[in-house]
Every structure is written in C-alpha cells, then in structure tokens.
PDB file of N, CA and C in Angstrom:
ATOM      1  N   MET A   1       8.396  15.255   4.395  1.00  0.00           N
ATOM      2  CA  MET A   1       7.036  15.222   4.378  1.00  0.00           C
ATOM      3  C   MET A   1       7.166  14.445   4.773  1.00  0.00           C
ATOM      4  N   ALA A   2       6.110  14.381   5.689  1.00  0.00           N
ATOM      5  CA  ALA A   2       6.265  12.645   6.402  1.00  0.00           C
ATOM      6  C   ALA A   2       4.956  11.620   5.894  1.00  0.00           C
ATOM      7  N   LYS A   3       5.492  10.224   5.788  1.00  0.00           N
ATOM      8  CA  LYS A   3       5.134   9.371   5.483  1.00  0.00           C
ATOM      9  C   LYS A   3       3.390   8.799   6.011  1.00  0.00           C
ATOM     10  N   ARG A   4       2.761   8.571   5.197  1.00  0.00           N
ATOM     11  CA  ARG A   4       1.349   8.315   5.487  1.00  0.00           C
ATOM     12  C   ARG A   4       1.046   6.516   6.216  1.00  0.00           C
ATOM     13  N   ASP A   5       0.407   6.644   7.096  1.00  0.00           N
ATOM     14  CA  ASP A   5       0.497   5.074   7.674  1.00  0.00           C
ATOM     15  C   ASP A   5       0.149   4.072   6.040  1.00  0.00           C
ATOM     16  N   TYR A   6       0.720   2.747   6.195  1.00  0.00           N
ATOM     17  CA  TYR A   6       0.694   1.945   5.716  1.00  0.00           C
ATOM     18  C   TYR A   6      -0.769   1.666   5.471  1.00  0.00           C
ATOM     19  N   TYR A   7      -1.280   1.484   6.417  1.00  0.00           N
ATOM     20  CA  TYR A   7      -2.736   0.651   6.713  1.00  0.00           C
ATOM     21  C   TYR A   7      -3.906   1.752   6.005  1.00  0.00           C
ATOM     22  N   GLU A   8      -3.437   3.094   5.972  1.00  0.00           N
ATOM     23  CA  GLU A   8      -4.337   4.159   6.136  1.00  0.00           C
ATOM     24  C   GLU A   8      -4.400   4.019   4.651  1.00  0.00           C
ATOM     25  N   ILE A   9      -3.041   3.823   3.794  1.00  0.00           N
ATOM     26  CA  ILE A   9      -2.678   3.844   2.048  1.00  0.00           C
ATOM     27  C   ILE A   9      -3.587   2.783   1.545  1.00  0.00           C
ATOM     28  N   LEU A  10      -3.972   2.099   1.886  1.00  0.00           N
ATOM     29  CA  LEU A  10      -3.889   0.512   1.650  1.00  0.00           C
ATOM     30  C   LEU A  10      -5.743   0.664   2.207  1.00  0.00           C
ATOM     31  N   GLY A  11      -6.465   1.464   2.822  1.00  0.00           N
ATOM     32  CA  GLY A  11      -7.531   1.514   3.668  1.00  0.00           C
ATOM     33  C   GLY A  11      -8.287   0.151   4.435  1.00  0.00           C
ATOM     34  N   VAL A  12      -6.862  -0.757   5.280  1.00  0.00           N
ATOM     35  CA  VAL A  12      -7.208  -1.896   5.937  1.00  0.00           C
ATOM     36  C   VAL A  12      -6.776  -1.435   7.309  1.00  0.00           C
ATOM     37  N   SER A  13      -7.684  -2.173   8.335  1.00  0.00           N
ATOM     38  CA  SER A  13      -7.197  -1.892   9.555  1.00  0.00           C
ATOM     39  C   SER A  13      -5.579  -2.781   9.968  1.00  0.00           C
ATOM     40  N   ASN A  14      -5.649  -2.086  11.167  1.00  0.00           N
ATOM     41  CA  ASN A  14      -3.965  -2.869  11.501  1.00  0.00           C
ATOM     42  C   ASN A  14      -3.348  -4.006  11.914  1.00  0.00           C
ATOM     43  N   ASN A  15      -5.607  -4.655  11.878  1.00  0.00           N
ATOM     44  CA  ASN A  15      -5.142  -6.285  11.916  1.00  0.00           C
ATOM     45  C   ASN A  15      -5.957  -6.870  10.962  1.00  0.00           C
ATOM     46  N   ALA A  16      -5.674  -6.391   9.957  1.00  0.00           N
ATOM     47  CA  ALA A  16      -6.259  -7.019   8.306  1.00  0.00           C
ATOM     48  C   ALA A  16      -5.076  -8.187   8.536  1.00  0.00           C
ATOM     49  N   ASP A  17      -6.116  -9.432   7.764  1.00  0.00           N
ATOM     50  CA  ASP A  17      -5.323 -10.665   7.556  1.00  0.00           C
ATOM     51  C   ASP A  17      -4.760 -10.320   5.660  1.00  0.00           C
ATOM     52  N   PRO A  18      -3.454 -11.701   5.480  1.00  0.00           N
ATOM     53  CA  PRO A  18      -2.653 -11.027   4.741  1.00  0.00           C
ATOM     54  C   PRO A  18      -3.798 -11.407   2.958  1.00  0.00           C
ATOM     55  N   ASN A  19      -4.643 -11.864   2.897  1.00  0.00           N
ATOM     56  CA  ASN A  19      -5.429 -11.760   1.625  1.00  0.00           C
ATOM     57  C   ASN A  19      -6.430 -10.475   1.948  1.00  0.00           C
ATOM     58  N   SER A  20      -6.805  -9.822   3.311  1.00  0.00           N
ATOM     59  CA  SER A  20      -7.118  -8.302   2.943  1.00  0.00           C
ATOM     60  C   SER A  20      -6.517  -7.301   2.475  1.00  0.00           C
ATOM     61  N   ILE A  21      -5.272  -7.366   2.707  1.00  0.00           N
ATOM     62  CA  ILE A  21      -4.172  -6.502   2.334  1.00  0.00           C
ATOM     63  C   ILE A  21      -3.954  -6.917   0.551  1.00  0.00           C
ATOM     64  N   LYS A  22      -3.810  -8.009   0.288  1.00  0.00           N
ATOM     65  CA  LYS A  22      -3.607  -8.804  -0.630  1.00  0.00           C
ATOM     66  C   LYS A  22      -4.602  -7.843  -1.862  1.00  0.00           C
ATOM     67  N   SER A  23      -5.887  -8.263  -1.126  1.00  0.00           N
ATOM     68  CA  SER A  23      -7.047  -7.445  -2.538  1.00  0.00           C
ATOM     69  C   SER A  23      -7.564  -6.338  -2.267  1.00  0.00           C
ATOM     70  N   ALA A  24      -6.679  -5.183  -1.085  1.00  0.00           N
ATOM     71  CA  ALA A  24      -6.722  -4.039  -1.078  1.00  0.00           C
ATOM     72  C   ALA A  24      -6.051  -3.965  -1.996  1.00  0.00           C
ATOM     73  N   TYR A  25      -4.417  -4.050  -1.859  1.00  0.00           N
ATOM     74  CA  TYR A  25      -3.462  -3.637  -2.640  1.00  0.00           C
ATOM     75  C   TYR A  25      -3.708  -3.701  -4.700  1.00  0.00           C
ATOM     76  N   ARG A  26      -4.217  -4.623  -4.659  1.00  0.00           N
ATOM     77  CA  ARG A  26      -4.578  -4.916  -6.207  1.00  0.00           C
ATOM     78  C   ARG A  26      -6.220  -4.622  -6.335  1.00  0.00           C
ATOM     79  N   LYS A  27      -7.060  -3.932  -5.839  1.00  0.00           N
ATOM     80  CA  LYS A  27      -7.673  -2.803  -6.086  1.00  0.00           C
ATOM     81  C   LYS A  27      -7.000  -1.550  -6.571  1.00  0.00           C
ATOM     82  N   MET A  28      -5.600  -1.144  -5.717  1.00  0.00           N
ATOM     83  CA  MET A  28      -5.395  -0.051  -5.635  1.00  0.00           C
ATOM     84  C   MET A  28      -4.269   0.279  -6.864  1.00  0.00           C
ATOM     85  N   ALA A  29      -3.771  -1.018  -6.852  1.00  0.00           N
ATOM     86  CA  ALA A  29      -2.990  -1.050  -8.496  1.00  0.00           C
ATOM     87  C   ALA A  29      -3.648  -0.763  -9.503  1.00  0.00           C
ATOM     88  N   MET A  30      -4.989  -1.677  -9.724  1.00  0.00           N
ATOM     89  CA  MET A  30      -6.246  -1.576 -10.678  1.00  0.00           C
ATOM     90  C   MET A  30      -6.045  -0.233 -10.982  1.00  0.00           C
ATOM     91  N   LYS A  31      -6.181   0.589 -10.022  1.00  0.00           N
ATOM     92  CA  LYS A  31      -7.068   1.593  -9.901  1.00  0.00           C
ATOM     93  C   LYS A  31      -5.879   2.735 -10.600  1.00  0.00           C
ATOM     94  N   TYR A  32      -4.440   2.760  -9.858  1.00  0.00           N
ATOM     95  CA  TYR A  32      -3.606   3.864 -10.111  1.00  0.00           C
ATOM     96  C   TYR A  32      -2.525   3.809 -11.123  1.00  0.00           C
ATOM     97  N   HIS A  33      -3.042   2.464 -11.825  1.00  0.00           N
ATOM     98  CA  HIS A  33      -1.485   1.881 -12.591  1.00  0.00           C
ATOM     99  C   HIS A  33      -0.730   2.780 -13.733  1.00  0.00           C
ATOM    100  N   PRO A  34       0.489   3.162 -13.757  1.00  0.00           N
ATOM    101  CA  PRO A  34       0.636   4.141 -14.553  1.00  0.00           C
ATOM    102  C   PRO A  34      -0.107   3.874 -16.473  1.00  0.00           C
ATOM    103  N   ASP A  35      -0.156   2.932 -16.607  1.00  0.00           N
ATOM    104  CA  ASP A  35      -0.436   2.664 -17.998  1.00  0.00           C
ATOM    105  C   ASP A  35      -2.204   2.485 -17.778  1.00  0.00           C
ATOM    106  N   LYS A  36      -3.048   2.843 -16.618  1.00  0.00           N
ATOM    107  CA  LYS A  36      -3.966   3.217 -17.162  1.00  0.00           C
ATOM    108  C   LYS A  36      -4.474   4.490 -16.743  1.00  0.00           C
ATOM    109  N   ASN A  37      -3.619   5.401 -16.777  1.00  0.00           N
ATOM    110  CA  ASN A  37      -3.123   6.536 -16.649  1.00  0.00           C
ATOM    111  C   ASN A  37      -1.885   7.200 -16.856  1.00  0.00           C
ATOM    112  N   PRO A  38      -1.836   7.388 -17.988  1.00  0.00           N
ATOM    113  CA  PRO A  38      -1.098   7.927 -18.449  1.00  0.00           C
ATOM    114  C   PRO A  38      -0.412   9.452 -18.790  1.00  0.00           C
ATOM    115  N   GLY A  39       0.772   9.671 -18.118  1.00  0.00           N
ATOM    116  CA  GLY A  39       1.089  11.028 -17.531  1.00  0.00           C
ATOM    117  C   GLY A  39       0.333  11.638 -16.805  1.00  0.00           C
ATOM    118  N   ASP A  40      -0.633  10.983 -15.347  1.00  0.00           N
ATOM    119  CA  ASP A  40      -0.928  11.447 -14.692  1.00  0.00           C
ATOM    120  C   ASP A  40      -0.027  10.869 -13.166  1.00  0.00           C
ATOM    121  N   LYS A  41       0.645  11.745 -12.802  1.00  0.00           N
ATOM    122  CA  LYS A  41       1.379  11.798 -12.091  1.00  0.00           C
ATOM    123  C   LYS A  41       1.108  11.338 -10.536  1.00  0.00           C
ATOM    124  N   ASP A  42       0.136  11.787 -10.683  1.00  0.00           N
ATOM    125  CA  ASP A  42      -0.674  11.813  -8.774  1.00  0.00           C
ATOM    126  C   ASP A  42      -1.029  10.599  -8.904  1.00  0.00           C
ATOM    127  N   ALA A  43      -1.598   9.774 -10.218  1.00  0.00           N
ATOM    128  CA  ALA A  43      -1.934   8.218 -10.141  1.00  0.00           C
ATOM    129  C   ALA A  43      -0.691   7.453  -9.657  1.00  0.00           C
ATOM    130  N   GLU A  44       0.548   7.962 -10.751  1.00  0.00           N
ATOM    131  CA  GLU A  44       1.562   7.219 -10.575  1.00  0.00           C
ATOM    132  C   GLU A  44       2.299   6.969  -9.120  1.00  0.00           C
ATOM    133  N   GLU A  45       2.118   8.409  -8.459  1.00  0.00           N
ATOM    134  CA  GLU A  45       2.514   8.561  -7.172  1.00  0.00           C
ATOM    135  C   GLU A  45       1.870   7.923  -5.687  1.00  0.00           C
ATOM    136  N   LYS A  46       0.755   7.589  -6.159  1.00  0.00           N
ATOM    137  CA  LYS A  46      -0.558   6.588  -5.594  1.00  0.00           C
ATOM    138  C   LYS A  46      -0.115   5.051  -5.668  1.00  0.00           C
ATOM    139  N   PHE A  47       0.266   4.812  -6.898  1.00  0.00           N
ATOM    140  CA  PHE A  47       0.646   3.457  -7.034  1.00  0.00           C
ATOM    141  C   PHE A  47       2.045   2.948  -6.291  1.00  0.00           C
ATOM    142  N   LYS A  48       3.157   4.124  -6.172  1.00  0.00           N
ATOM    143  CA  LYS A  48       3.861   3.642  -5.835  1.00  0.00           C
ATOM    144  C   LYS A  48       3.924   3.582  -4.189  1.00  0.00           C
ATOM    145  N   GLU A  49       3.573   4.233  -3.594  1.00  0.00           N
ATOM    146  CA  GLU A  49       2.890   4.322  -2.321  1.00  0.00           C
ATOM    147  C   GLU A  49       2.442   2.969  -1.879  1.00  0.00           C
ATOM    148  N   ALA A  50       1.048   2.743  -2.740  1.00  0.00           N
ATOM    149  CA  ALA A  50       0.402   1.540  -2.436  1.00  0.00           C
ATOM    150  C   ALA A  50       1.521   0.246  -2.795  1.00  0.00           C
ATOM    151  N   SER A  51       2.251   0.581  -3.328  1.00  0.00           N
ATOM    152  CA  SER A  51       3.540  -0.655  -3.974  1.00  0.00           C
ATOM    153  C   SER A  51       4.444  -0.652  -2.665  1.00  0.00           C
ATOM    154  N   GLU A  52       4.351   0.584  -2.202  1.00  0.00           N
ATOM    155  CA  GLU A  52       5.867   0.454  -0.779  1.00  0.00           C
ATOM    156  C   GLU A  52       5.079  -0.227   0.669  1.00  0.00           C
ATOM    157  N   ALA A  53       3.240   0.268   0.403  1.00  0.00           N
ATOM    158  CA  ALA A  53       2.740  -0.196   1.557  1.00  0.00           C
ATOM    159  C   ALA A  53       2.922  -1.667   1.590  1.00  0.00           C
ATOM    160  N   TYR A  54       2.255  -2.662   0.391  1.00  0.00           N
ATOM    161  CA  TYR A  54       2.141  -3.861   0.266  1.00  0.00           C
ATOM    162  C   TYR A  54       3.657  -4.003   0.325  1.00  0.00           C
ATOM    163  N   ASN A  55       3.999  -3.920  -0.074  1.00  0.00           N
ATOM    164  CA  ASN A  55       6.115  -4.727   0.414  1.00  0.00           C
ATOM    165  C   ASN A  55       5.877  -4.855   1.433  1.00  0.00           C
ATOM    166  N   ILE A  56       5.924  -3.869   2.258  1.00  0.00           N
ATOM    167  CA  ILE A  56       5.886  -3.799   3.928  1.00  0.00           C
ATOM    168  C   ILE A  56       4.971  -4.420   4.754  1.00  0.00           C
ATOM    169  N   LEU A  57       3.731  -4.676   4.703  1.00  0.00           N
ATOM    170  CA  LEU A  57       2.758  -5.360   4.990  1.00  0.00           C
ATOM    171  C   LEU A  57       2.118  -6.898   4.778  1.00  0.00           C
ATOM    172  N   SER A  58       2.558  -7.419   3.561  1.00  0.00           N
ATOM    173  CA  SER A  58       2.626  -8.024   2.893  1.00  0.00           C
ATOM    174  C   SER A  58       3.794  -9.646   3.243  1.00  0.00           C
ATOM    175  N   ASP A  59       4.709  -8.800   3.754  1.00  0.00           N
ATOM    176  CA  ASP A  59       6.083  -9.671   4.757  1.00  0.00           C
ATOM    177  C   ASP A  59       5.947  -9.608   6.362  1.00  0.00           C
ATOM    178  N   GLN A  60       5.756 -10.873   6.772  1.00  0.00           N
ATOM    179  CA  GLN A  60       5.290 -10.886   7.792  1.00  0.00           C
ATOM    180  C   GLN A  60       6.163 -10.146   8.767  1.00  0.00           C
ATOM    181  N   GLU A  61       7.612 -10.156   8.962  1.00  0.00           N
ATOM    182  CA  GLU A  61       8.583  -9.877   9.832  1.00  0.00           C
ATOM    183  C   GLU A  61       8.636  -8.177   9.340  1.00  0.00           C
ATOM    184  N   LYS A  62       8.648  -8.038   8.111  1.00  0.00           N
ATOM    185  CA  LYS A  62       8.793  -5.955   8.361  1.00  0.00           C
ATOM    186  C   LYS A  62       7.618  -5.589   8.435  1.00  0.00           C
ATOM    187  N   ARG A  63       6.613  -6.622   8.285  1.00  0.00           N
ATOM    188  CA  ARG A  63       5.033  -6.149   8.981  1.00  0.00           C
ATOM    189  C   ARG A  63       4.909  -5.989  10.834  1.00  0.00           C
ATOM    190  N   GLN A  64       5.857  -6.723  11.369  1.00  0.00           N
ATOM    191  CA  GLN A  64       5.723  -6.666  12.976  1.00  0.00           C
ATOM    192  C   GLN A  64       6.744  -5.381  13.175  1.00  0.00           C
ATOM    193  N   ALA A  65       8.042  -5.321  12.156  1.00  0.00           N
ATOM    194  CA  ALA A  65       9.021  -4.677  12.675  1.00  0.00           C
ATOM    195  C   ALA A  65       8.150  -3.117  12.359  1.00  0.00           C
ATOM    196  N   TYR A  66       7.387  -2.733  11.407  1.00  0.00           N
ATOM    197  CA  TYR A  66       6.671  -1.583  11.193  1.00  0.00           C
ATOM    198  C   TYR A  66       6.069  -1.383  12.285  1.00  0.00           C
ATOM    199  N   ASP A  67       5.225  -2.244  12.499  1.00  0.00           N
ATOM    200  CA  ASP A  67       3.939  -2.701  13.679  1.00  0.00           C
ATOM    201  C   ASP A  67       4.867  -2.021  15.193  1.00  0.00           C
ATOM    202  N   THR A  68       5.481  -2.379  15.164  1.00  0.00           N
ATOM    203  CA  THR A  68       6.305  -1.667  16.578  1.00  0.00           C
ATOM    204  C   THR A  68       6.864  -0.563  16.375  1.00  0.00           C
ATOM    205  N   TYR A  69       7.909  -0.021  15.575  1.00  0.00           N
ATOM    206  CA  TYR A  69       8.979   0.905  15.126  1.00  0.00           C
ATOM    207  C   TYR A  69       8.087   1.699  14.433  1.00  0.00           C
ATOM    208  N   GLY A  70       7.255   1.879  14.051  1.00  0.00           N
ATOM    209  CA  GLY A  70       6.186   2.924  12.585  1.00  0.00           C
ATOM    210  C   GLY A  70       7.099   2.571  11.757  1.00  0.00           C
TER     211      GLY A  70
END
C-alpha cells in the first residue's frame, strides 16, 4: 500500500508555515487520539499517520528531504 502525501494527511498546503502544520496536527491528534476513541482501530491508524506526517513536516531538514525526494 502506497503512503499518502503528508501534506494531504494534515490538510495543509505544501508551503504551509510551521504554525499551520502544528495547528493541523493538534486538531487531528485531538480528534483521533486512542484515549478518545478506545477500541477504534481506524482512529488509531489515522492518529499514527498524522503523527508520522507531523514528525517529518515539523523538522526542517526532514521536510526539505521529503519535499525533494518524496
């Protein structure tokens, strides 16, 4: 299965500033956090996906590499 675009996961544009990325991640994290959705595997997967996307996009070096190489 191919991974989705990190920008698409968080719902931000590819030229979003760090604050927009952080805000989008926090909204996703609150919505899909496993503690708020006990037993919901779909929500758990979306939470993990959002966390992975934020991990890459919040770090300037990782984001630049992602933008360059995908």
